[in-house]
Amino acid sequence: MFERVILMAPPAAEGAKQANPLLSFLPLLAIIVIMYFLLLRPQAKRQKEMKLMIDSLQKGDRVLTVGGVVGTIAAFEEKENLIILKVADNVKIEVTRSAVAQVLKKA
């Protein structure tokens, strides 16, 4: 089937110039550059900001977890990468550092 398609193509003229093959990759290259600036770069920036926020957590900060729990940081367990949140009087829970979505109020 492909042979018929090739045979049906008009013959190239003797003096006709071939298109530069590098120019055919130009649209693909443009799409890759646009995808980088619209998707990948902002995502990397958000990840850096999130890591900076998690690394700067302090005792007494009021935080919101990804599960929707709001609490105050009571202590840290560095070896297990856990945070102990005080959510009510005499109620403390353990969450991982990565479970913190945002800091609501600094100490």
PDB file of N, CA and C in Angstrom:
ATOM      1  N   MET A   1       0.823  -1.188   0.000  1.00  0.00           N
ATOM      2  CA  MET A   1       0.000   0.000   0.000  1.00  0.00           C
ATOM      3  C   MET A   1       0.869   1.254   0.000  1.00  0.00           C
ATOM      4  N   PHE A   2       1.930   1.258   0.836  1.00  0.00           N
ATOM      5  CA  PHE A   2       2.813   2.414   0.893  1.00  0.00           C
ATOM      6  C   PHE A   2       3.570   2.606  -0.416  1.00  0.00           C
ATOM      7  N   GLU A   3       3.838   1.519  -1.100  1.00  0.00           N
ATOM      8  CA  GLU A   3       4.538   1.610  -2.379  1.00  0.00           C
ATOM      9  C   GLU A   3       3.700   2.387  -3.392  1.00  0.00           C
ATOM     10  N   ARG A   4       2.397   2.175  -3.381  1.00  0.00           N
ATOM     11  CA  ARG A   4       1.512   2.889  -4.311  1.00  0.00           C
ATOM     12  C   ARG A   4       1.503   4.382  -4.012  1.00  0.00           C
ATOM     13  N   VAL A   5       1.507   4.720  -2.723  1.00  0.00           N
ATOM     14  CA  VAL A   5       1.512   6.128  -2.337  1.00  0.00           C
ATOM     15  C   VAL A   5       2.801   6.783  -2.811  1.00  0.00           C
ATOM     16  N   ILE A   6       3.900   6.096  -2.644  1.00  0.00           N
ATOM     17  CA  ILE A   6       5.193   6.637  -3.068  1.00  0.00           C
ATOM     18  C   ILE A   6       5.242   6.782  -4.585  1.00  0.00           C
ATOM     19  N   LEU A   7       4.704   5.793  -5.298  1.00  0.00           N
ATOM     20  CA  LEU A   7       4.732   5.835  -6.754  1.00  0.00           C
ATOM     21  C   LEU A   7       3.821   6.928  -7.304  1.00  0.00           C
ATOM     22  N   MET A   8       2.779   7.295  -6.552  1.00  0.00           N
ATOM     23  CA  MET A   8       1.844   8.313  -7.011  1.00  0.00           C
ATOM     24  C   MET A   8       2.396   9.732  -6.814  1.00  0.00           C
ATOM     25  N   ALA A   9       3.452   9.865  -6.027  1.00  0.00           N
ATOM     26  CA  ALA A   9       4.028  11.192  -5.779  1.00  0.00           C
ATOM     27  C   ALA A   9       4.611  11.729  -7.074  1.00  0.00           C
ATOM     28  N   PRO A  10       4.433  13.017  -7.322  1.00  0.00           N
ATOM     29  CA  PRO A  10       4.978  13.601  -8.559  1.00  0.00           C
ATOM     30  C   PRO A  10       6.501  13.607  -8.504  1.00  0.00           C
ATOM     31  N   PRO A  11       7.134  13.389  -9.618  1.00  0.00           N
ATOM     32  CA  PRO A  11       8.597  13.386  -9.625  1.00  0.00           C
ATOM     33  C   PRO A  11       9.135  14.787  -9.342  1.00  0.00           C
ATOM     34  N   ALA A  12      10.261  14.837  -8.665  1.00  0.00           N
ATOM     35  CA  ALA A  12      10.874  16.126  -8.332  1.00  0.00           C
ATOM     36  C   ALA A  12      11.475  16.730  -9.588  1.00  0.00           C
ATOM     37  N   ALA A  13      11.355  18.034  -9.685  1.00  0.00           N
ATOM     38  CA  ALA A  13      11.922  18.728 -10.839  1.00  0.00           C
ATOM     39  C   ALA A  13      13.448  18.715 -10.730  1.00  0.00           C
ATOM     40  N   GLU A  14      14.091  18.833 -11.825  1.00  0.00           N
ATOM     41  CA  GLU A  14      15.548  18.771 -11.863  1.00  0.00           C
ATOM     42  C   GLU A  14      16.180  19.881 -11.020  1.00  0.00           C
ATOM     43  N   GLY A  15      15.686  21.081 -11.135  1.00  0.00           N
ATOM     44  CA  GLY A  15      16.294  22.217 -10.454  1.00  0.00           C
ATOM     45  C   GLY A  15      15.650  22.543  -9.109  1.00  0.00           C
ATOM     46  N   ALA A  16      14.699  21.738  -8.625  1.00  0.00           N
ATOM     47  CA  ALA A  16      13.990  22.039  -7.378  1.00  0.00           C
ATOM     48  C   ALA A  16      14.902  21.794  -6.183  1.00  0.00           C
ATOM     49  N   LYS A  17      14.824  22.697  -5.200  1.00  0.00           N
ATOM     50  CA  LYS A  17      15.638  22.545  -4.001  1.00  0.00           C
ATOM     51  C   LYS A  17      14.870  21.707  -2.976  1.00  0.00           C
ATOM     52  N   GLN A  18      15.589  20.874  -2.272  1.00  0.00           N
ATOM     53  CA  GLN A  18      15.002  20.093  -1.187  1.00  0.00           C
ATOM     54  C   GLN A  18      14.869  21.011   0.037  1.00  0.00           C
ATOM     55  N   ALA A  19      13.813  20.803   0.823  1.00  0.00           N
ATOM     56  CA  ALA A  19      13.624  21.578   2.049  1.00  0.00           C
ATOM     57  C   ALA A  19      14.667  21.150   3.075  1.00  0.00           C
ATOM     58  N   ASN A  20      15.112  22.093   3.863  1.00  0.00           N
ATOM     59  CA  ASN A  20      16.098  21.811   4.896  1.00  0.00           C
ATOM     60  C   ASN A  20      15.455  20.914   5.962  1.00  0.00           C
ATOM     61  N   PRO A  21      16.033  19.737   6.246  1.00  0.00           N
ATOM     62  CA  PRO A  21      15.413  18.840   7.237  1.00  0.00           C
ATOM     63  C   PRO A  21      15.418  19.422   8.648  1.00  0.00           C
ATOM     64  N   LEU A  22      16.333  20.323   8.951  1.00  0.00           N
ATOM     65  CA  LEU A  22      16.353  20.928  10.282  1.00  0.00           C
ATOM     66  C   LEU A  22      15.151  21.838  10.502  1.00  0.00           C
ATOM     67  N   LEU A  23      14.670  22.462   9.431  1.00  0.00           N
ATOM     68  CA  LEU A  23      13.499  23.331   9.567  1.00  0.00           C
ATOM     69  C   LEU A  23      12.237  22.542   9.879  1.00  0.00           C
ATOM     70  N   SER A  24      12.200  21.282   9.515  1.00  0.00           N
ATOM     71  CA  SER A  24      11.023  20.471   9.822  1.00  0.00           C
ATOM     72  C   SER A  24      10.935  20.145  11.317  1.00  0.00           C
ATOM     73  N   PHE A  25      12.071  20.223  12.043  1.00  0.00           N
ATOM     74  CA  PHE A  25      12.059  19.971  13.487  1.00  0.00           C
ATOM     75  C   PHE A  25      11.804  21.236  14.291  1.00  0.00           C
ATOM     76  N   LEU A  26      11.775  22.367  13.645  1.00  0.00           N
ATOM     77  CA  LEU A  26      11.576  23.634  14.333  1.00  0.00           C
ATOM     78  C   LEU A  26      10.241  23.700  15.093  1.00  0.00           C
ATOM     79  N   PRO A  27       9.111  23.279  14.528  1.00  0.00           N
ATOM     80  CA  PRO A  27       7.857  23.306  15.301  1.00  0.00           C
ATOM     81  C   PRO A  27       7.908  22.399  16.533  1.00  0.00           C
ATOM     82  N   LEU A  28       8.531  21.235  16.389  1.00  0.00           N
ATOM     83  CA  LEU A  28       8.649  20.327  17.537  1.00  0.00           C
ATOM     84  C   LEU A  28       9.503  20.957  18.629  1.00  0.00           C
ATOM     85  N   LEU A  29      10.584  21.582  18.252  1.00  0.00           N
ATOM     86  CA  LEU A  29      11.449  22.258  19.216  1.00  0.00           C
ATOM     87  C   LEU A  29      10.704  23.398  19.908  1.00  0.00           C
ATOM     88  N   ALA A  30       9.905  24.149  19.149  1.00  0.00           N
ATOM     89  CA  ALA A  30       9.118  25.244  19.732  1.00  0.00           C
ATOM     90  C   ALA A  30       8.109  24.714  20.747  1.00  0.00           C
ATOM     91  N   ILE A  31       7.471  23.595  20.449  1.00  0.00           N
ATOM     92  CA  ILE A  31       6.503  23.002  21.381  1.00  0.00           C
ATOM     93  C   ILE A  31       7.199  22.570  22.666  1.00  0.00           C
ATOM     94  N   ILE A  32       8.377  21.983  22.561  1.00  0.00           N
ATOM     95  CA  ILE A  32       9.111  21.540  23.746  1.00  0.00           C
ATOM     96  C   ILE A  32       9.488  22.736  24.616  1.00  0.00           C
ATOM     97  N   VAL A  33       9.939  23.818  24.006  1.00  0.00           N
ATOM     98  CA  VAL A  33      10.304  25.023  24.764  1.00  0.00           C
ATOM     99  C   VAL A  33       9.082  25.617  25.456  1.00  0.00           C
ATOM    100  N   ILE A  34       7.962  25.669  24.768  1.00  0.00           N
ATOM    101  CA  ILE A  34       6.732  26.197  25.362  1.00  0.00           C
ATOM    102  C   ILE A  34       6.279  25.327  26.526  1.00  0.00           C
ATOM    103  N   MET A  35       6.344  24.010  26.380  1.00  0.00           N
ATOM    104  CA  MET A  35       5.953  23.091  27.462  1.00  0.00           C
ATOM    105  C   MET A  35       6.850  23.297  28.679  1.00  0.00           C
ATOM    106  N   TYR A  36       8.142  23.514  28.444  1.00  0.00           N
ATOM    107  CA  TYR A  36       9.069  23.731  29.557  1.00  0.00           C
ATOM    108  C   TYR A  36       8.671  24.970  30.353  1.00  0.00           C
ATOM    109  N   PHE A  37       8.427  26.073  29.660  1.00  0.00           N
ATOM    110  CA  PHE A  37       8.127  27.319  30.362  1.00  0.00           C
ATOM    111  C   PHE A  37       6.722  27.353  30.956  1.00  0.00           C
ATOM    112  N   LEU A  38       5.778  26.617  30.386  1.00  0.00           N
ATOM    113  CA  LEU A  38       4.406  26.647  30.908  1.00  0.00           C
ATOM    114  C   LEU A  38       4.133  25.584  31.963  1.00  0.00           C
ATOM    115  N   LEU A  39       4.823  24.451  31.909  1.00  0.00           N
ATOM    116  CA  LEU A  39       4.515  23.348  32.820  1.00  0.00           C
ATOM    117  C   LEU A  39       5.660  22.978  33.760  1.00  0.00           C
ATOM    118  N   LEU A  40       6.804  22.694  33.223  1.00  0.00           N
ATOM    119  CA  LEU A  40       7.878  22.129  34.036  1.00  0.00           C
ATOM    120  C   LEU A  40       8.527  23.156  34.966  1.00  0.00           C
ATOM    121  N   ARG A  41       8.804  24.326  34.470  1.00  0.00           N
ATOM    122  CA  ARG A  41       9.469  25.337  35.285  1.00  0.00           C
ATOM    123  C   ARG A  41       8.610  25.802  36.465  1.00  0.00           C
ATOM    124  N   PRO A  42       7.320  26.110  36.278  1.00  0.00           N
ATOM    125  CA  PRO A  42       6.498  26.493  37.434  1.00  0.00           C
ATOM    126  C   PRO A  42       6.362  25.367  38.467  1.00  0.00           C
ATOM    127  N   GLN A  43       6.299  24.119  37.998  1.00  0.00           N
ATOM    128  CA  GLN A  43       6.191  22.997  38.931  1.00  0.00           C
ATOM    129  C   GLN A  43       7.450  22.889  39.779  1.00  0.00           C
ATOM    130  N   ALA A  44       8.601  23.047  39.184  1.00  0.00           N
ATOM    131  CA  ALA A  44       9.858  22.991  39.934  1.00  0.00           C
ATOM    132  C   ALA A  44       9.930  24.131  40.948  1.00  0.00           C
ATOM    133  N   LYS A  45       9.430  25.301  40.571  1.00  0.00           N
ATOM    134  CA  LYS A  45       9.412  26.441  41.482  1.00  0.00           C
ATOM    135  C   LYS A  45       8.509  26.169  42.686  1.00  0.00           C
ATOM    136  N   ARG A  46       7.338  25.577  42.435  1.00  0.00           N
ATOM    137  CA  ARG A  46       6.426  25.238  43.535  1.00  0.00           C
ATOM    138  C   ARG A  46       7.053  24.215  44.470  1.00  0.00           C
ATOM    139  N   GLN A  47       7.762  23.230  43.915  1.00  0.00           N
ATOM    140  CA  GLN A  47       8.409  22.225  44.750  1.00  0.00           C
ATOM    141  C   GLN A  47       9.493  22.845  45.631  1.00  0.00           C
ATOM    142  N   LYS A  48      10.256  23.787  45.092  1.00  0.00           N
ATOM    143  CA  LYS A  48      11.276  24.469  45.884  1.00  0.00           C
ATOM    144  C   LYS A  48      10.642  25.251  47.022  1.00  0.00           C
ATOM    145  N   GLU A  49       9.551  25.975  46.727  1.00  0.00           N
ATOM    146  CA  GLU A  49       8.861  26.754  47.753  1.00  0.00           C
ATOM    147  C   GLU A  49       8.302  25.853  48.846  1.00  0.00           C
ATOM    148  N   MET A  50       7.756  24.693  48.450  1.00  0.00           N
ATOM    149  CA  MET A  50       7.199  23.758  49.426  1.00  0.00           C
ATOM    150  C   MET A  50       8.299  23.186  50.324  1.00  0.00           C
ATOM    151  N   LYS A  51       9.428  22.836  49.733  1.00  0.00           N
ATOM    152  CA  LYS A  51      10.543  22.306  50.517  1.00  0.00           C
ATOM    153  C   LYS A  51      11.057  23.357  51.486  1.00  0.00           C
ATOM    154  N   LEU A  52      11.174  24.602  51.030  1.00  0.00           N
ATOM    155  CA  LEU A  52      11.618  25.685  51.899  1.00  0.00           C
ATOM    156  C   LEU A  52      10.643  25.888  53.058  1.00  0.00           C
ATOM    157  N   MET A  53       9.338  25.829  52.772  1.00  0.00           N
ATOM    158  CA  MET A  53       8.334  25.988  53.817  1.00  0.00           C
ATOM    159  C   MET A  53       8.421  24.850  54.834  1.00  0.00           C
ATOM    160  N   ILE A  54       8.590  23.628  54.369  1.00  0.00           N
ATOM    161  CA  ILE A  54       8.660  22.473  55.275  1.00  0.00           C
ATOM    162  C   ILE A  54       9.928  22.530  56.124  1.00  0.00           C
ATOM    163  N   ASP A  55      11.035  22.955  55.516  1.00  0.00           N
ATOM    164  CA  ASP A  55      12.296  23.041  56.262  1.00  0.00           C
ATOM    165  C   ASP A  55      12.288  24.167  57.292  1.00  0.00           C
ATOM    166  N   SER A  56      11.454  25.181  57.109  1.00  0.00           N
ATOM    167  CA  SER A  56      11.443  26.317  58.028  1.00  0.00           C
ATOM    168  C   SER A  56      10.358  26.211  59.106  1.00  0.00           C
ATOM    169  N   LEU A  57       9.721  25.059  59.238  1.00  0.00           N
ATOM    170  CA  LEU A  57       8.702  24.890  60.275  1.00  0.00           C
ATOM    171  C   LEU A  57       9.333  25.020  61.660  1.00  0.00           C
ATOM    172  N   GLN A  58       8.594  25.663  62.573  1.00  0.00           N
ATOM    173  CA  GLN A  58       9.068  25.858  63.931  1.00  0.00           C
ATOM    174  C   GLN A  58       7.992  25.478  64.919  1.00  0.00           C
ATOM    175  N   LYS A  59       8.434  25.190  66.130  1.00  0.00           N
ATOM    176  CA  LYS A  59       7.501  24.881  67.200  1.00  0.00           C
ATOM    177  C   LYS A  59       6.607  26.095  67.442  1.00  0.00           C
ATOM    178  N   GLY A  60       5.304  25.875  67.514  1.00  0.00           N
ATOM    179  CA  GLY A  60       4.350  26.943  67.737  1.00  0.00           C
ATOM    180  C   GLY A  60       3.657  27.415  66.466  1.00  0.00           C
ATOM    181  N   ASP A  61       4.143  27.015  65.305  1.00  0.00           N
ATOM    182  CA  ASP A  61       3.489  27.389  64.050  1.00  0.00           C
ATOM    183  C   ASP A  61       2.137  26.696  63.937  1.00  0.00           C
ATOM    184  N   ARG A  62       1.144  27.425  63.451  1.00  0.00           N
ATOM    185  CA  ARG A  62      -0.184  26.852  63.195  1.00  0.00           C
ATOM    186  C   ARG A  62      -0.188  26.406  61.742  1.00  0.00           C
ATOM    187  N   VAL A  63      -0.479  25.104  61.513  1.00  0.00           N
ATOM    188  CA  VAL A  63      -0.368  24.534  60.174  1.00  0.00           C
ATOM    189  C   VAL A  63      -1.651  23.821  59.765  1.00  0.00           C
ATOM    190  N   LEU A  64      -1.785  23.674  58.460  1.00  0.00           N
ATOM    191  CA  LEU A  64      -2.874  22.924  57.860  1.00  0.00           C
ATOM    192  C   LEU A  64      -2.265  21.735  57.152  1.00  0.00           C
ATOM    193  N   THR A  65      -2.767  20.531  57.404  1.00  0.00           N
ATOM    194  CA  THR A  65      -2.243  19.337  56.747  1.00  0.00           C
ATOM    195  C   THR A  65      -3.029  19.065  55.467  1.00  0.00           C
ATOM    196  N   VAL A  66      -2.496  18.170  54.642  1.00  0.00           N
ATOM    197  CA  VAL A  66      -3.179  17.827  53.398  1.00  0.00           C
ATOM    198  C   VAL A  66      -4.499  17.121  53.674  1.00  0.00           C
ATOM    199  N   GLY A  67      -4.669  16.570  54.853  1.00  0.00           N
ATOM    200  CA  GLY A  67      -5.922  15.917  55.216  1.00  0.00           C
ATOM    201  C   GLY A  67      -6.951  16.873  55.778  1.00  0.00           C
ATOM    202  N   GLY A  68      -6.586  18.150  55.928  1.00  0.00           N
ATOM    203  CA  GLY A  68      -7.535  19.143  56.420  1.00  0.00           C
ATOM    204  C   GLY A  68      -7.477  19.365  57.916  1.00  0.00           C
ATOM    205  N   VAL A  69      -6.515  18.773  58.596  1.00  0.00           N
ATOM    206  CA  VAL A  69      -6.385  18.946  60.048  1.00  0.00           C
ATOM    207  C   VAL A  69      -5.594  20.217  60.319  1.00  0.00           C
ATOM    208  N   VAL A  70      -6.137  21.048  61.203  1.00  0.00           N
ATOM    209  CA  VAL A  70      -5.451  22.274  61.606  1.00  0.00           C
ATOM    210  C   VAL A  70      -4.934  22.070  63.017  1.00  0.00           C
ATOM    211  N   GLY A  71      -3.660  22.393  63.209  1.00  0.00           N
ATOM    212  CA  GLY A  71      -3.079  22.215  64.536  1.00  0.00           C
ATOM    213  C   GLY A  71      -1.856  23.090  64.712  1.00  0.00           C
ATOM    214  N   THR A  72      -1.332  23.060  65.931  1.00  0.00           N
ATOM    215  CA  THR A  72      -0.134  23.811  66.287  1.00  0.00           C
ATOM    216  C   THR A  72       0.995  22.825  66.518  1.00  0.00           C
ATOM    217  N   ILE A  73       2.158  23.129  65.987  1.00  0.00           N
ATOM    218  CA  ILE A  73       3.295  22.226  66.142  1.00  0.00           C
ATOM    219  C   ILE A  73       3.737  22.251  67.594  1.00  0.00           C
ATOM    220  N   ALA A  74       3.710  21.060  68.229  1.00  0.00           N
ATOM    221  CA  ALA A  74       4.119  20.935  69.622  1.00  0.00           C
ATOM    222  C   ALA A  74       5.559  20.444  69.740  1.00  0.00           C
ATOM    223  N   ALA A  75       5.966  19.556  68.828  1.00  0.00           N
ATOM    224  CA  ALA A  75       7.328  19.005  68.898  1.00  0.00           C
ATOM    225  C   ALA A  75       7.681  18.370  67.561  1.00  0.00           C
ATOM    226  N   PHE A  76       8.968  18.038  67.439  1.00  0.00           N
ATOM    227  CA  PHE A  76       9.472  17.358  66.243  1.00  0.00           C
ATOM    228  C   PHE A  76      10.132  16.054  66.653  1.00  0.00           C
ATOM    229  N   GLU A  77      10.017  15.053  65.820  1.00  0.00           N
ATOM    230  CA  GLU A  77      10.776  13.811  65.979  1.00  0.00           C
ATOM    231  C   GLU A  77      11.640  13.681  64.738  1.00  0.00           C
ATOM    232  N   GLU A  78      12.862  14.195  64.832  1.00  0.00           N
ATOM    233  CA  GLU A  78      13.739  14.312  63.667  1.00  0.00           C
ATOM    234  C   GLU A  78      14.116  12.963  63.064  1.00  0.00           C
ATOM    235  N   LYS A  79      14.359  11.948  63.903  1.00  0.00           N
ATOM    236  CA  LYS A  79      14.829  10.676  63.358  1.00  0.00           C
ATOM    237  C   LYS A  79      13.763   9.988  62.507  1.00  0.00           C
ATOM    238  N   GLU A  80      12.506  10.233  62.791  1.00  0.00           N
ATOM    239  CA  GLU A  80      11.421   9.611  62.024  1.00  0.00           C
ATOM    240  C   GLU A  80      10.751  10.614  61.079  1.00  0.00           C
ATOM    241  N   ASN A  81      11.245  11.866  61.069  1.00  0.00           N
ATOM    242  CA  ASN A  81      10.702  12.907  60.195  1.00  0.00           C
ATOM    243  C   ASN A  81       9.222  13.184  60.488  1.00  0.00           C
ATOM    244  N   LEU A  82       8.869  13.151  61.766  1.00  0.00           N
ATOM    245  CA  LEU A  82       7.485  13.365  62.181  1.00  0.00           C
ATOM    246  C   LEU A  82       7.332  14.699  62.903  1.00  0.00           C
ATOM    247  N   ILE A  83       6.115  15.199  62.874  1.00  0.00           N
ATOM    248  CA  ILE A  83       5.739  16.397  63.613  1.00  0.00           C
ATOM    249  C   ILE A  83       4.589  16.009  64.527  1.00  0.00           C
ATOM    250  N   ILE A  84       4.649  16.466  65.762  1.00  0.00           N
ATOM    251  CA  ILE A  84       3.549  16.240  66.697  1.00  0.00           C
ATOM    252  C   ILE A  84       2.710  17.513  66.726  1.00  0.00           C
ATOM    253  N   LEU A  85       1.456  17.379  66.312  1.00  0.00           N
ATOM    254  CA  LEU A  85       0.533  18.515  66.267  1.00  0.00           C
ATOM    255  C   LEU A  85      -0.423  18.463  67.449  1.00  0.00           C
ATOM    256  N   LYS A  86      -0.618  19.609  68.065  1.00  0.00           N
ATOM    257  CA  LYS A  86      -1.630  19.739  69.103  1.00  0.00           C
ATOM    258  C   LYS A  86      -2.877  20.271  68.419  1.00  0.00           C
ATOM    259  N   VAL A  87      -3.944  19.468  68.378  1.00  0.00           N
ATOM    260  CA  VAL A  87      -5.162  19.869  67.684  1.00  0.00           C
ATOM    261  C   VAL A  87      -6.265  20.326  68.638  1.00  0.00           C
ATOM    262  N   ALA A  88      -6.163  19.941  69.902  1.00  0.00           N
ATOM    263  CA  ALA A  88      -7.118  20.367  70.929  1.00  0.00           C
ATOM    264  C   ALA A  88      -6.446  20.167  72.280  1.00  0.00           C
ATOM    265  N   ASP A  89      -7.151  20.521  73.367  1.00  0.00           N
ATOM    266  CA  ASP A  89      -6.580  20.303  74.694  1.00  0.00           C
ATOM    267  C   ASP A  89      -6.334  18.814  74.896  1.00  0.00           C
ATOM    268  N   ASN A  90      -5.103  18.477  75.247  1.00  0.00           N
ATOM    269  CA  ASN A  90      -4.671  17.101  75.505  1.00  0.00           C
ATOM    270  C   ASN A  90      -4.889  16.165  74.313  1.00  0.00           C
ATOM    271  N   VAL A  91      -4.955  16.682  73.115  1.00  0.00           N
ATOM    272  CA  VAL A  91      -5.070  15.856  71.909  1.00  0.00           C
ATOM    273  C   VAL A  91      -3.903  16.201  70.992  1.00  0.00           C
ATOM    274  N   LYS A  92      -3.031  15.209  70.812  1.00  0.00           N
ATOM    275  CA  LYS A  92      -1.873  15.395  69.945  1.00  0.00           C
ATOM    276  C   LYS A  92      -1.847  14.260  68.924  1.00  0.00           C
ATOM    277  N   ILE A  93      -1.459  14.601  67.710  1.00  0.00           N
ATOM    278  CA  ILE A  93      -1.344  13.597  66.656  1.00  0.00           C
ATOM    279  C   ILE A  93       0.027  13.737  65.994  1.00  0.00           C
ATOM    280  N   GLU A  94       0.470  12.635  65.417  1.00  0.00           N
ATOM    281  CA  GLU A  94       1.735  12.639  64.697  1.00  0.00           C
ATOM    282  C   GLU A  94       1.453  12.636  63.199  1.00  0.00           C
ATOM    283  N   VAL A  95       2.129  13.510  62.467  1.00  0.00           N
ATOM    284  CA  VAL A  95       2.031  13.546  61.014  1.00  0.00           C
ATOM    285  C   VAL A  95       3.442  13.680  60.455  1.00  0.00           C
ATOM    286  N   THR A  96       3.611  13.287  59.225  1.00  0.00           N
ATOM    287  CA  THR A  96       4.912  13.468  58.589  1.00  0.00           C
ATOM    288  C   THR A  96       5.073  14.921  58.166  1.00  0.00           C
ATOM    289  N   ARG A  97       6.308  15.336  58.005  1.00  0.00           N
ATOM    290  CA  ARG A  97       6.567  16.714  57.570  1.00  0.00           C
ATOM    291  C   ARG A  97       5.928  16.992  56.207  1.00  0.00           C
ATOM    292  N   SER A  98       5.932  16.003  55.336  1.00  0.00           N
ATOM    293  CA  SER A  98       5.389  16.203  53.992  1.00  0.00           C
ATOM    294  C   SER A  98       3.871  16.323  53.987  1.00  0.00           C
ATOM    295  N   ALA A  99       3.216  16.027  55.103  1.00  0.00           N
ATOM    296  CA  ALA A  99       1.761  16.154  55.180  1.00  0.00           C
ATOM    297  C   ALA A  99       1.314  17.587  55.433  1.00  0.00           C
ATOM    298  N   VAL A 100       2.249  18.469  55.734  1.00  0.00           N
ATOM    299  CA  VAL A 100       1.901  19.871  55.980  1.00  0.00           C
ATOM    300  C   VAL A 100       1.685  20.564  54.638  1.00  0.00           C
ATOM    301  N   ALA A 101       0.503  21.135  54.466  1.00  0.00           N
ATOM    302  CA  ALA A 101       0.166  21.798  53.207  1.00  0.00           C
ATOM    303  C   ALA A 101       0.529  23.277  53.249  1.00  0.00           C
ATOM    304  N   GLN A 102       0.292  23.927  54.380  1.00  0.00           N
ATOM    305  CA  GLN A 102       0.634  25.347  54.490  1.00  0.00           C
ATOM    306  C   GLN A 102       0.723  25.767  55.932  1.00  0.00           C
ATOM    307  N   VAL A 103       1.461  26.847  56.164  1.00  0.00           N
ATOM    308  CA  VAL A 103       1.568  27.446  57.490  1.00  0.00           C
ATOM    309  C   VAL A 103       0.533  28.550  57.554  1.00  0.00           C
ATOM    310  N   LEU A 104      -0.348  28.475  58.536  1.00  0.00           N
ATOM    311  CA  LEU A 104      -1.411  29.466  58.670  1.00  0.00           C
ATOM    312  C   LEU A 104      -0.953  30.711  59.422  1.00  0.00           C
ATOM    313  N   LYS A 105      -0.154  30.509  60.472  1.00  0.00           N
ATOM    314  CA  LYS A 105       0.296  31.639  61.250  1.00  0.00           C
ATOM    315  C   LYS A 105       1.636  31.304  61.861  1.00  0.00           C
ATOM    316  N   LYS A 106       2.610  32.198  61.694  1.00  0.00           N
ATOM    317  CA  LYS A 106       3.923  31.979  62.276  1.00  0.00           C
ATOM    318  C   LYS A 106       3.862  32.243  63.772  1.00  0.00           C
ATOM    319  N   ALA A 107       4.807  31.621  64.489  1.00  0.00           N
ATOM    320  CA  ALA A 107       4.871  31.779  65.946  1.00  0.00           C
ATOM    321  C   ALA A 107       5.298  33.181  66.330  1.00  0.00           C
TER     322      ALA A 107
END
